[in-house]
N, C-alpha and C. Protein backbone atom coordinates (compact mmCIF):
# COMPACT_ATOMS: atom_id res chain seq x y z
N MET A 1 32.90 -11.41 4.42
CA MET A 1 32.16 -11.27 3.18
C MET A 1 30.93 -12.18 3.12
N PRO A 2 30.98 -13.41 3.66
CA PRO A 2 29.78 -14.25 3.61
C PRO A 2 28.60 -13.64 4.37
N SER A 3 28.87 -12.88 5.44
CA SER A 3 27.76 -12.27 6.17
C SER A 3 27.08 -11.20 5.32
N LEU A 4 27.85 -10.51 4.46
CA LEU A 4 27.26 -9.52 3.57
C LEU A 4 26.32 -10.20 2.58
N PHE A 5 26.74 -11.32 2.01
CA PHE A 5 25.88 -12.05 1.07
C PHE A 5 24.64 -12.56 1.77
N ARG A 6 24.78 -13.04 3.00
CA ARG A 6 23.62 -13.53 3.76
C ARG A 6 22.65 -12.38 4.02
N PHE A 7 23.19 -11.21 4.37
CA PHE A 7 22.34 -10.05 4.61
C PHE A 7 21.61 -9.63 3.34
N LEU A 8 22.35 -9.54 2.23
CA LEU A 8 21.72 -9.14 0.96
C LEU A 8 20.68 -10.17 0.51
N PHE A 9 20.95 -11.44 0.72
CA PHE A 9 19.99 -12.47 0.37
C PHE A 9 18.72 -12.33 1.23
N THR A 10 18.89 -12.08 2.53
CA THR A 10 17.74 -11.91 3.42
C THR A 10 16.91 -10.70 3.02
N VAL A 11 17.57 -9.60 2.73
CA VAL A 11 16.86 -8.39 2.30
C VAL A 11 16.14 -8.65 0.97
N GLY A 12 16.78 -9.35 0.06
CA GLY A 12 16.15 -9.67 -1.22
C GLY A 12 14.93 -10.54 -1.05
N VAL A 13 15.00 -11.52 -0.16
CA VAL A 13 13.84 -12.39 0.09
C VAL A 13 12.70 -11.58 0.70
N LEU A 14 13.01 -10.69 1.64
CA LEU A 14 11.96 -9.87 2.25
C LEU A 14 11.31 -8.94 1.23
N VAL A 15 12.12 -8.34 0.38
CA VAL A 15 11.57 -7.48 -0.67
C VAL A 15 10.70 -8.29 -1.62
N GLY A 16 11.12 -9.49 -1.96
CA GLY A 16 10.32 -10.36 -2.82
C GLY A 16 8.99 -10.74 -2.18
N LEU A 17 9.00 -11.02 -0.88
CA LEU A 17 7.75 -11.34 -0.19
C LEU A 17 6.79 -10.15 -0.17
N VAL A 18 7.33 -8.97 0.04
CA VAL A 18 6.48 -7.77 0.03
C VAL A 18 5.90 -7.56 -1.37
N TYR A 19 6.70 -7.78 -2.39
CA TYR A 19 6.23 -7.62 -3.77
C TYR A 19 5.13 -8.62 -4.08
N VAL A 20 5.30 -9.87 -3.66
CA VAL A 20 4.28 -10.90 -3.91
C VAL A 20 3.01 -10.58 -3.13
N ALA A 21 3.14 -10.07 -1.91
CA ALA A 21 1.96 -9.70 -1.12
C ALA A 21 1.20 -8.55 -1.79
N MET A 22 1.92 -7.56 -2.31
CA MET A 22 1.25 -6.45 -3.00
C MET A 22 0.58 -6.93 -4.28
N LEU A 23 1.24 -7.82 -4.99
CA LEU A 23 0.65 -8.37 -6.22
C LEU A 23 -0.62 -9.16 -5.90
N ALA A 24 -0.61 -9.92 -4.80
CA ALA A 24 -1.79 -10.67 -4.40
C ALA A 24 -2.93 -9.73 -4.03
N LEU A 25 -2.63 -8.64 -3.33
CA LEU A 25 -3.67 -7.67 -2.99
C LEU A 25 -4.29 -7.06 -4.24
N VAL A 26 -3.46 -6.71 -5.19
CA VAL A 26 -3.97 -6.10 -6.43
C VAL A 26 -4.82 -7.10 -7.20
N THR A 27 -4.43 -8.36 -7.17
CA THR A 27 -5.13 -9.37 -7.96
C THR A 27 -6.45 -9.79 -7.32
N PHE A 28 -6.46 -10.02 -6.03
CA PHE A 28 -7.60 -10.65 -5.39
C PHE A 28 -8.56 -9.70 -4.69
N VAL A 29 -8.18 -8.46 -4.44
CA VAL A 29 -9.06 -7.52 -3.73
C VAL A 29 -9.57 -6.49 -4.73
N THR A 30 -10.88 -6.40 -4.84
CA THR A 30 -11.49 -5.40 -5.72
C THR A 30 -12.20 -4.37 -4.86
N PRO A 31 -11.90 -3.10 -5.06
CA PRO A 31 -12.55 -2.06 -4.26
C PRO A 31 -14.01 -1.91 -4.65
N GLU A 32 -14.84 -1.58 -3.68
CA GLU A 32 -16.26 -1.35 -3.93
C GLU A 32 -16.51 0.15 -3.93
N PRO A 33 -16.85 0.72 -5.08
CA PRO A 33 -17.08 2.17 -5.12
C PRO A 33 -18.38 2.53 -4.40
N HIS A 34 -18.36 3.63 -3.68
CA HIS A 34 -19.55 4.13 -3.02
C HIS A 34 -19.44 5.64 -2.91
N GLU A 35 -20.60 6.29 -2.80
CA GLU A 35 -20.62 7.75 -2.75
C GLU A 35 -20.25 8.23 -1.35
N ILE A 36 -19.56 9.34 -1.32
CA ILE A 36 -19.22 9.98 -0.05
C ILE A 36 -19.92 11.32 -0.02
N VAL A 37 -20.76 11.52 1.00
CA VAL A 37 -21.49 12.78 1.14
C VAL A 37 -20.99 13.46 2.41
N GLN A 38 -20.54 14.69 2.25
CA GLN A 38 -20.04 15.45 3.39
C GLN A 38 -20.56 16.87 3.27
N THR A 39 -21.22 17.34 4.33
CA THR A 39 -21.75 18.70 4.29
C THR A 39 -20.63 19.70 4.58
N VAL A 40 -20.67 20.82 3.86
CA VAL A 40 -19.66 21.86 4.04
C VAL A 40 -20.35 23.04 4.73
N PRO A 41 -19.82 23.48 5.85
CA PRO A 41 -20.44 24.62 6.54
C PRO A 41 -20.39 25.88 5.68
N ALA A 42 -21.41 26.71 5.81
CA ALA A 42 -21.50 27.93 5.02
C ALA A 42 -20.35 28.88 5.36
N SER A 43 -19.85 28.83 6.57
CA SER A 43 -18.76 29.73 6.94
C SER A 43 -17.49 29.44 6.15
N ARG A 44 -17.29 28.23 5.73
CA ARG A 44 -16.10 27.89 4.93
C ARG A 44 -16.28 28.33 3.47
N LEU A 45 -17.51 28.46 3.01
CA LEU A 45 -17.74 28.85 1.63
C LEU A 45 -17.61 30.35 1.42
N ASN A 46 -17.86 31.13 2.44
CA ASN A 46 -17.89 32.60 2.30
C ASN A 46 -16.57 33.26 2.62
N LYS A 47 -15.49 32.51 2.72
CA LYS A 47 -14.20 33.13 3.05
C LYS A 47 -13.62 33.86 1.88
């Protein structure tokens, strides 16, 4: 039984680290909007 608790504790710590990393990305990284221009061939428009 102690190995189960150790496993669950390890998984919980890893999930917590992933959550903190995602929260840090959301907080500190701001996306820069820019226009995307892509030409569409006429053959795709006439289908």
